[in-house]
Amino acid sequence: MRAVVQRVMRGAVHIEGHTYASIGPGLVVLVGIRRDDTPEDAAYLAEKIAHLRVFEDREGKLNRSVLDVGGTVLVVSQFTLYGDCRRGRRPSFTDAAPPAVAEPLYRRFIAALNARGVVTAEGRFQTRMLVEIANDGPVTLILESERKKQG
């Protein structure tokens, strides 16, 4: 699994001109699921994100997590994170999991965040959305579950 994590002042998902979900301060997580991802990948990323220290403490150092600051996480499924642009001009999405595999892992990832005490909102799976991200900092990180095997 791959996640683009952005610290935000606010975030929202709009579908067909209506606000579907919105958050105040917290994180917007764009999550892509790879063909060979497992429930363990979802649990690993949820644990990492729940405790990721990307919010400032009183001294201005990034020492606080979304749990520490009482923030919310807006999770948006984004298969294009596995777009391969190395050849040609149109991305290939062969590494992205098909919807029947991806949706259960997307749901499992959200449930794993909730189980760790993270309040979440979410986009709608496999739907065209307008995603509003007011990146704070800016702070943007890319996390991959396959890194867990390396340390």
N, C-alpha and C. Protein backbone atom coordinates (compact mmCIF):
# COMPACT_ATOMS: atom_id res chain seq x y z
N MET A 1 0.85 -1.18 0.00
CA MET A 1 0.00 0.00 0.00
C MET A 1 0.89 1.22 0.00
N ARG A 2 0.39 2.25 -0.60
CA ARG A 2 1.10 3.52 -0.68
C ARG A 2 0.16 4.61 -0.19
N ALA A 3 0.69 5.50 0.62
CA ALA A 3 -0.12 6.61 1.14
C ALA A 3 0.62 7.93 0.98
N VAL A 4 -0.08 8.92 0.50
CA VAL A 4 0.40 10.29 0.50
C VAL A 4 -0.32 10.96 1.67
N VAL A 5 0.46 11.38 2.65
CA VAL A 5 -0.08 11.93 3.89
C VAL A 5 0.21 13.43 3.91
N GLN A 6 -0.85 14.22 4.05
CA GLN A 6 -0.68 15.67 4.09
C GLN A 6 -1.29 16.22 5.37
N ARG A 7 -0.50 17.01 6.09
CA ARG A 7 -1.02 17.72 7.26
C ARG A 7 -1.85 18.88 6.73
N VAL A 8 -3.08 19.01 7.24
CA VAL A 8 -3.99 20.02 6.70
C VAL A 8 -4.64 20.86 7.79
N MET A 9 -5.02 22.05 7.39
CA MET A 9 -5.89 22.88 8.23
C MET A 9 -7.34 22.44 8.06
N ARG A 10 -7.64 21.98 6.82
CA ARG A 10 -8.96 21.43 6.53
C ARG A 10 -8.87 20.61 5.25
N GLY A 11 -9.82 19.72 5.09
CA GLY A 11 -9.90 18.91 3.88
C GLY A 11 -11.35 18.54 3.65
N ALA A 12 -11.68 18.27 2.41
CA ALA A 12 -13.06 17.90 2.08
C ALA A 12 -13.10 17.09 0.80
N VAL A 13 -14.16 16.33 0.68
CA VAL A 13 -14.46 15.59 -0.54
C VAL A 13 -15.83 16.06 -1.01
N HIS A 14 -15.90 16.47 -2.26
CA HIS A 14 -17.16 16.91 -2.87
C HIS A 14 -17.51 15.95 -3.99
N ILE A 15 -18.76 15.51 -4.03
CA ILE A 15 -19.23 14.61 -5.06
C ILE A 15 -20.48 15.23 -5.68
N GLU A 16 -20.43 15.39 -7.00
CA GLU A 16 -21.54 15.97 -7.76
C GLU A 16 -22.03 17.29 -7.15
N GLY A 17 -21.07 18.13 -6.76
CA GLY A 17 -21.39 19.46 -6.27
C GLY A 17 -21.80 19.54 -4.81
N HIS A 18 -21.79 18.42 -4.11
CA HIS A 18 -22.20 18.41 -2.70
C HIS A 18 -21.03 17.93 -1.83
N THR A 19 -20.92 18.51 -0.64
CA THR A 19 -19.88 18.07 0.29
C THR A 19 -20.26 16.71 0.84
N TYR A 20 -19.40 15.74 0.61
CA TYR A 20 -19.62 14.37 1.06
C TYR A 20 -19.00 14.13 2.43
N ALA A 21 -17.80 14.70 2.64
CA ALA A 21 -17.09 14.58 3.92
C ALA A 21 -16.16 15.76 4.07
N SER A 22 -15.95 16.18 5.31
CA SER A 22 -15.00 17.27 5.54
C SER A 22 -14.40 17.14 6.93
N ILE A 23 -13.19 17.68 7.07
CA ILE A 23 -12.50 17.67 8.35
C ILE A 23 -11.89 19.04 8.60
N GLY A 24 -11.59 19.31 9.86
CA GLY A 24 -10.81 20.47 10.25
C GLY A 24 -9.35 20.06 10.30
N PRO A 25 -8.60 20.58 11.24
CA PRO A 25 -7.18 20.23 11.31
C PRO A 25 -6.97 18.72 11.46
N GLY A 26 -5.97 18.23 10.74
CA GLY A 26 -5.66 16.80 10.81
C GLY A 26 -4.83 16.39 9.62
N LEU A 27 -5.18 15.24 9.05
CA LEU A 27 -4.44 14.68 7.92
C LEU A 27 -5.39 14.30 6.80
N VAL A 28 -4.98 14.53 5.57
CA VAL A 28 -5.64 13.94 4.42
C VAL A 28 -4.70 12.84 3.94
N VAL A 29 -5.24 11.64 3.82
CA VAL A 29 -4.45 10.49 3.39
C VAL A 29 -5.03 9.96 2.08
N LEU A 30 -4.23 10.08 1.02
CA LEU A 30 -4.58 9.49 -0.27
C LEU A 30 -3.94 8.12 -0.26
N VAL A 31 -4.75 7.07 -0.41
CA VAL A 31 -4.23 5.71 -0.27
C VAL A 31 -4.45 4.90 -1.54
N GLY A 32 -3.36 4.27 -1.99
CA GLY A 32 -3.42 3.38 -3.14
C GLY A 32 -3.13 1.96 -2.70
N ILE A 33 -3.82 1.02 -3.31
CA ILE A 33 -3.65 -0.39 -2.94
C ILE A 33 -3.07 -1.14 -4.13
N ARG A 34 -2.02 -1.86 -3.84
CA ARG A 34 -1.30 -2.64 -4.85
C ARG A 34 -1.90 -4.04 -4.95
N ARG A 35 -1.75 -4.67 -6.08
CA ARG A 35 -2.30 -6.01 -6.35
C ARG A 35 -2.00 -7.03 -5.26
N ASP A 36 -0.79 -7.01 -4.72
CA ASP A 36 -0.39 -8.04 -3.76
C ASP A 36 -0.46 -7.59 -2.31
N ASP A 37 -1.14 -6.48 -2.04
CA ASP A 37 -1.27 -6.02 -0.66
C ASP A 37 -2.17 -6.94 0.16
N THR A 38 -1.94 -6.92 1.46
CA THR A 38 -2.63 -7.82 2.38
C THR A 38 -3.23 -7.03 3.54
N PRO A 39 -4.04 -7.66 4.36
CA PRO A 39 -4.54 -6.99 5.57
C PRO A 39 -3.40 -6.50 6.48
N GLU A 40 -2.28 -7.19 6.47
CA GLU A 40 -1.14 -6.76 7.28
C GLU A 40 -0.59 -5.42 6.78
N ASP A 41 -0.64 -5.20 5.47
CA ASP A 41 -0.21 -3.91 4.92
C ASP A 41 -1.10 -2.79 5.43
N ALA A 42 -2.41 -3.04 5.45
CA ALA A 42 -3.37 -2.04 5.93
C ALA A 42 -3.12 -1.73 7.41
N ALA A 43 -2.89 -2.75 8.21
CA ALA A 43 -2.63 -2.56 9.64
C ALA A 43 -1.32 -1.80 9.87
N TYR A 44 -0.30 -2.14 9.10
CA TYR A 44 0.99 -1.47 9.22
C TYR A 44 0.86 0.03 8.93
N LEU A 45 0.22 0.37 7.81
CA LEU A 45 0.08 1.78 7.45
C LEU A 45 -0.78 2.53 8.46
N ALA A 46 -1.85 1.90 8.94
CA ALA A 46 -2.71 2.56 9.93
C ALA A 46 -1.93 2.87 11.20
N GLU A 47 -1.15 1.91 11.65
CA GLU A 47 -0.33 2.12 12.86
C GLU A 47 0.67 3.25 12.64
N LYS A 48 1.32 3.23 11.50
CA LYS A 48 2.33 4.25 11.17
C LYS A 48 1.69 5.64 11.14
N ILE A 49 0.57 5.76 10.46
CA ILE A 49 -0.09 7.07 10.31
C ILE A 49 -0.67 7.57 11.62
N ALA A 50 -1.26 6.69 12.41
CA ALA A 50 -1.85 7.09 13.69
C ALA A 50 -0.80 7.73 14.60
N HIS A 51 0.43 7.27 14.51
CA HIS A 51 1.47 7.74 15.43
C HIS A 51 2.55 8.58 14.75
N LEU A 52 2.33 8.93 13.49
CA LEU A 52 3.29 9.74 12.74
C LEU A 52 3.38 11.14 13.35
N ARG A 53 4.58 11.54 13.73
CA ARG A 53 4.75 12.83 14.41
C ARG A 53 5.00 13.94 13.38
N VAL A 54 3.90 14.57 12.96
CA VAL A 54 3.98 15.62 11.94
C VAL A 54 3.34 16.93 12.40
N PHE A 55 2.98 17.00 13.67
CA PHE A 55 2.41 18.23 14.23
C PHE A 55 3.41 18.79 15.24
N GLU A 56 3.49 20.13 15.28
CA GLU A 56 4.47 20.78 16.14
C GLU A 56 4.10 20.72 17.61
N ASP A 57 5.14 20.61 18.43
CA ASP A 57 4.98 20.76 19.87
C ASP A 57 5.17 22.25 20.21
N ARG A 58 5.26 22.57 21.48
CA ARG A 58 5.40 23.98 21.90
C ARG A 58 6.70 24.62 21.42
N GLU A 59 7.68 23.79 21.12
CA GLU A 59 8.97 24.31 20.66
C GLU A 59 9.08 24.34 19.14
N GLY A 60 7.99 24.02 18.46
CA GLY A 60 7.99 24.06 17.00
C GLY A 60 8.57 22.83 16.33
N LYS A 61 8.84 21.78 17.09
CA LYS A 61 9.38 20.54 16.52
C LYS A 61 8.25 19.59 16.19
N LEU A 62 8.42 18.81 15.13
CA LEU A 62 7.41 17.84 14.73
C LEU A 62 7.48 16.64 15.68
N ASN A 63 6.76 16.76 16.79
CA ASN A 63 6.80 15.74 17.84
C ASN A 63 5.43 15.21 18.22
N ARG A 64 4.36 15.64 17.55
CA ARG A 64 3.02 15.24 17.96
C ARG A 64 2.30 14.55 16.80
N SER A 65 1.51 13.55 17.16
CA SER A 65 0.74 12.80 16.16
C SER A 65 -0.67 13.35 16.05
N VAL A 66 -1.42 12.85 15.09
CA VAL A 66 -2.82 13.24 14.93
C VAL A 66 -3.61 12.87 16.19
N LEU A 67 -3.24 11.77 16.83
CA LEU A 67 -3.89 11.39 18.09
C LEU A 67 -3.57 12.39 19.19
N ASP A 68 -2.31 12.84 19.25
CA ASP A 68 -1.89 13.79 20.28
C ASP A 68 -2.63 15.12 20.17
N VAL A 69 -2.91 15.55 18.94
CA VAL A 69 -3.53 16.86 18.74
C VAL A 69 -5.05 16.78 18.61
N GLY A 70 -5.60 15.57 18.65
CA GLY A 70 -7.05 15.41 18.51
C GLY A 70 -7.56 15.74 17.12
N GLY A 71 -6.72 15.49 16.12
CA GLY A 71 -7.11 15.77 14.74
C GLY A 71 -7.92 14.63 14.13
N THR A 72 -8.38 14.87 12.92
CA THR A 72 -9.18 13.89 12.17
C THR A 72 -8.41 13.53 10.91
N VAL A 73 -8.67 12.33 10.39
CA VAL A 73 -8.03 11.89 9.16
C VAL A 73 -9.10 11.69 8.09
N LEU A 74 -8.91 12.33 6.95
CA LEU A 74 -9.78 12.13 5.78
C LEU A 74 -9.05 11.18 4.86
N VAL A 75 -9.64 10.00 4.62
CA VAL A 75 -9.02 8.96 3.79
C VAL A 75 -9.71 8.94 2.43
N VAL A 76 -8.90 9.00 1.38
CA VAL A 76 -9.41 9.00 0.02
C VAL A 76 -8.68 7.92 -0.78
N SER A 77 -9.43 7.00 -1.34
CA SER A 77 -8.86 5.95 -2.18
C SER A 77 -8.38 6.57 -3.49
N GLN A 78 -7.14 6.20 -3.89
CA GLN A 78 -6.59 6.78 -5.11
C GLN A 78 -5.70 5.77 -5.83
N PHE A 79 -6.32 5.01 -6.73
CA PHE A 79 -5.58 3.97 -7.45
C PHE A 79 -4.46 4.55 -8.31
N THR A 80 -4.56 5.83 -8.67
CA THR A 80 -3.55 6.43 -9.53
C THR A 80 -2.19 6.54 -8.84
N LEU A 81 -2.13 6.30 -7.54
CA LEU A 81 -0.83 6.29 -6.85
C LEU A 81 0.05 5.15 -7.35
N TYR A 82 -0.56 4.16 -7.99
CA TYR A 82 0.20 3.07 -8.58
C TYR A 82 0.28 3.19 -10.10
N GLY A 83 0.13 4.41 -10.60
CA GLY A 83 0.32 4.65 -12.03
C GLY A 83 1.80 4.59 -12.36
N ASP A 84 2.16 3.82 -13.37
CA ASP A 84 3.54 3.67 -13.79
C ASP A 84 3.73 4.49 -15.07
N CYS A 85 4.56 5.51 -14.98
CA CYS A 85 4.77 6.44 -16.10
C CYS A 85 6.15 6.29 -16.74
N ARG A 86 6.80 5.17 -16.49
CA ARG A 86 8.16 5.00 -17.01
C ARG A 86 8.21 4.83 -18.51
N ARG A 87 7.15 4.30 -19.10
CA ARG A 87 7.14 4.07 -20.55
C ARG A 87 5.97 4.84 -21.16
N GLY A 88 6.22 5.48 -22.24
CA GLY A 88 5.16 6.19 -22.94
C GLY A 88 4.67 7.41 -22.19
N ARG A 89 3.50 7.88 -22.57
CA ARG A 89 2.95 9.10 -21.99
C ARG A 89 1.66 8.87 -21.21
N ARG A 90 1.12 7.66 -21.32
CA ARG A 90 -0.09 7.35 -20.57
C ARG A 90 0.27 6.36 -19.47
N PRO A 91 -0.13 6.65 -18.23
CA PRO A 91 0.22 5.75 -17.13
C PRO A 91 -0.40 4.37 -17.29
N SER A 92 0.33 3.39 -16.83
CA SER A 92 -0.18 2.02 -16.74
C SER A 92 -0.57 1.78 -15.29
N PHE A 93 -1.71 1.13 -15.09
CA PHE A 93 -2.18 0.88 -13.74
C PHE A 93 -2.19 -0.61 -13.40
N THR A 94 -1.31 -1.37 -14.04
CA THR A 94 -1.30 -2.82 -13.83
C THR A 94 -0.90 -3.21 -12.40
N ASP A 95 -0.17 -2.34 -11.69
CA ASP A 95 0.20 -2.64 -10.31
C ASP A 95 -0.92 -2.36 -9.31
N ALA A 96 -1.88 -1.54 -9.72
CA ALA A 96 -2.99 -1.21 -8.82
C ALA A 96 -3.92 -2.41 -8.67
N ALA A 97 -4.42 -2.61 -7.46
CA ALA A 97 -5.34 -3.71 -7.21
C ALA A 97 -6.68 -3.44 -7.89
N PRO A 98 -7.33 -4.48 -8.42
CA PRO A 98 -8.67 -4.28 -8.97
C PRO A 98 -9.64 -3.95 -7.85
N PRO A 99 -10.75 -3.28 -8.16
CA PRO A 99 -11.69 -2.85 -7.12
C PRO A 99 -12.12 -3.94 -6.15
N ALA A 100 -12.33 -5.15 -6.62
CA ALA A 100 -12.78 -6.23 -5.74
C ALA A 100 -11.74 -6.58 -4.68
N VAL A 101 -10.47 -6.33 -4.96
CA VAL A 101 -9.40 -6.56 -4.00
C VAL A 101 -9.16 -5.29 -3.18
N ALA A 102 -9.18 -4.14 -3.86
CA ALA A 102 -8.83 -2.88 -3.22
C ALA A 102 -9.85 -2.41 -2.18
N GLU A 103 -11.13 -2.52 -2.49
CA GLU A 103 -12.13 -1.96 -1.56
C GLU A 103 -12.09 -2.61 -0.18
N PRO A 104 -12.02 -3.93 -0.06
CA PRO A 104 -11.94 -4.51 1.28
C PRO A 104 -10.69 -4.04 2.06
N LEU A 105 -9.57 -3.88 1.35
CA LEU A 105 -8.36 -3.40 2.04
C LEU A 105 -8.49 -1.92 2.42
N TYR A 106 -9.13 -1.14 1.58
CA TYR A 106 -9.42 0.27 1.90
C TYR A 106 -10.27 0.34 3.17
N ARG A 107 -11.31 -0.46 3.24
CA ARG A 107 -12.19 -0.50 4.42
C ARG A 107 -11.41 -0.98 5.65
N ARG A 108 -10.57 -1.98 5.45
CA ARG A 108 -9.78 -2.51 6.56
C ARG A 108 -8.81 -1.45 7.08
N PHE A 109 -8.21 -0.67 6.19
CA PHE A 109 -7.31 0.41 6.58
C PHE A 109 -8.05 1.44 7.45
N ILE A 110 -9.23 1.84 7.03
CA ILE A 110 -10.02 2.80 7.81
C ILE A 110 -10.40 2.20 9.17
N ALA A 111 -10.82 0.95 9.18
CA ALA A 111 -11.16 0.28 10.45
C ALA A 111 -9.95 0.20 11.37
N ALA A 112 -8.77 -0.04 10.80
CA ALA A 112 -7.55 -0.11 11.60
C ALA A 112 -7.20 1.25 12.20
N LEU A 113 -7.41 2.33 11.46
CA LEU A 113 -7.22 3.67 12.02
C LEU A 113 -8.19 3.90 13.17
N ASN A 114 -9.46 3.57 12.95
CA ASN A 114 -10.48 3.74 13.99
C ASN A 114 -10.14 2.93 15.23
N ALA A 115 -9.65 1.71 15.04
CA ALA A 115 -9.30 0.84 16.17
C ALA A 115 -8.16 1.43 17.00
N ARG A 116 -7.37 2.29 16.40
CA ARG A 116 -6.27 2.94 17.11
C ARG A 116 -6.69 4.27 17.72
N GLY A 117 -7.97 4.58 17.63
CA GLY A 117 -8.49 5.80 18.24
C GLY A 117 -8.51 7.01 17.33
N VAL A 118 -8.22 6.81 16.05
CA VAL A 118 -8.21 7.93 15.10
C VAL A 118 -9.62 8.14 14.56
N VAL A 119 -10.10 9.37 14.66
CA VAL A 119 -11.39 9.73 14.08
C VAL A 119 -11.18 9.92 12.59
N THR A 120 -12.01 9.25 11.78
CA THR A 120 -11.83 9.32 10.34
C THR A 120 -13.09 9.78 9.62
N ALA A 121 -12.85 10.34 8.46
CA ALA A 121 -13.89 10.61 7.47
C ALA A 121 -13.33 10.00 6.19
N GLU A 122 -14.18 9.78 5.20
CA GLU A 122 -13.68 9.12 4.00
C GLU A 122 -14.37 9.61 2.76
N GLY A 123 -13.67 9.44 1.65
CA GLY A 123 -14.26 9.65 0.35
C GLY A 123 -15.10 8.43 0.00
N ARG A 124 -15.69 8.45 -1.17
CA ARG A 124 -16.48 7.31 -1.64
C ARG A 124 -15.63 6.50 -2.61
N PHE A 125 -15.49 5.23 -2.34
CA PHE A 125 -14.66 4.35 -3.14
C PHE A 125 -15.15 4.31 -4.59
N GLN A 126 -14.23 4.35 -5.53
CA GLN A 126 -14.49 4.22 -6.96
C GLN A 126 -15.50 5.25 -7.48
N THR A 127 -15.34 6.48 -7.01
CA THR A 127 -16.22 7.57 -7.42
C THR A 127 -15.36 8.77 -7.80
N ARG A 128 -15.77 9.50 -8.81
CA ARG A 128 -15.08 10.74 -9.17
C ARG A 128 -15.38 11.78 -8.09
N MET A 129 -14.32 12.36 -7.53
CA MET A 129 -14.46 13.30 -6.42
C MET A 129 -13.63 14.55 -6.68
N LEU A 130 -14.06 15.64 -6.11
CA LEU A 130 -13.24 16.84 -6.01
C LEU A 130 -12.70 16.83 -4.59
N VAL A 131 -11.38 16.70 -4.46
CA VAL A 131 -10.75 16.63 -3.14
C VAL A 131 -10.11 17.97 -2.83
N GLU A 132 -10.54 18.57 -1.75
CA GLU A 132 -10.03 19.86 -1.31
C GLU A 132 -9.02 19.61 -0.19
N ILE A 133 -7.80 20.13 -0.39
CA ILE A 133 -6.74 19.92 0.59
C ILE A 133 -6.09 21.26 0.88
N ALA A 134 -6.21 21.71 2.13
CA ALA A 134 -5.54 22.94 2.57
C ALA A 134 -4.30 22.51 3.34
N ASN A 135 -3.23 22.19 2.59
CA ASN A 135 -2.00 21.65 3.16
C ASN A 135 -1.39 22.68 4.10
N ASP A 136 -1.06 22.24 5.30
CA ASP A 136 -0.52 23.10 6.36
C ASP A 136 0.98 22.87 6.46
N GLY A 137 1.76 23.86 6.12
CA GLY A 137 3.20 23.76 6.26
C GLY A 137 3.96 24.28 5.05
N PRO A 138 3.91 23.62 3.93
CA PRO A 138 3.26 22.34 3.65
C PRO A 138 4.04 21.17 4.25
N VAL A 139 3.29 20.19 4.70
CA VAL A 139 3.86 18.92 5.17
C VAL A 139 3.21 17.82 4.36
N THR A 140 4.02 17.10 3.58
CA THR A 140 3.55 16.00 2.75
C THR A 140 4.58 14.88 2.82
N LEU A 141 4.12 13.67 3.13
CA LEU A 141 5.00 12.51 3.22
C LEU A 141 4.41 11.36 2.41
N ILE A 142 5.28 10.52 1.90
CA ILE A 142 4.86 9.32 1.18
C ILE A 142 5.29 8.11 1.99
N LEU A 143 4.33 7.25 2.30
CA LEU A 143 4.61 6.04 3.07
C LEU A 143 4.26 4.83 2.23
N GLU A 144 5.03 3.76 2.40
CA GLU A 144 4.74 2.51 1.70
C GLU A 144 4.82 1.36 2.67
N SER A 145 3.85 0.48 2.60
CA SER A 145 3.83 -0.65 3.52
C SER A 145 4.93 -1.65 3.22
N GLU A 146 5.40 -1.72 1.99
CA GLU A 146 6.45 -2.68 1.67
C GLU A 146 7.76 -2.35 2.37
N ARG A 147 7.89 -1.12 2.84
CA ARG A 147 9.09 -0.71 3.58
C ARG A 147 9.18 -1.44 4.92
N LYS A 148 8.06 -1.95 5.42
CA LYS A 148 8.04 -2.63 6.72
C LYS A 148 9.00 -3.82 6.73
N LYS A 149 9.19 -4.43 5.58
CA LYS A 149 10.07 -5.59 5.49
C LYS A 149 11.54 -5.20 5.60
N GLN A 150 11.82 -3.92 5.36
CA GLN A 150 13.20 -3.45 5.39
C GLN A 150 13.56 -2.80 6.73
N GLY A 151 12.60 -2.61 7.61
CA GLY A 151 12.92 -2.02 8.90
C GLY A 151 11.97 -1.02 9.25
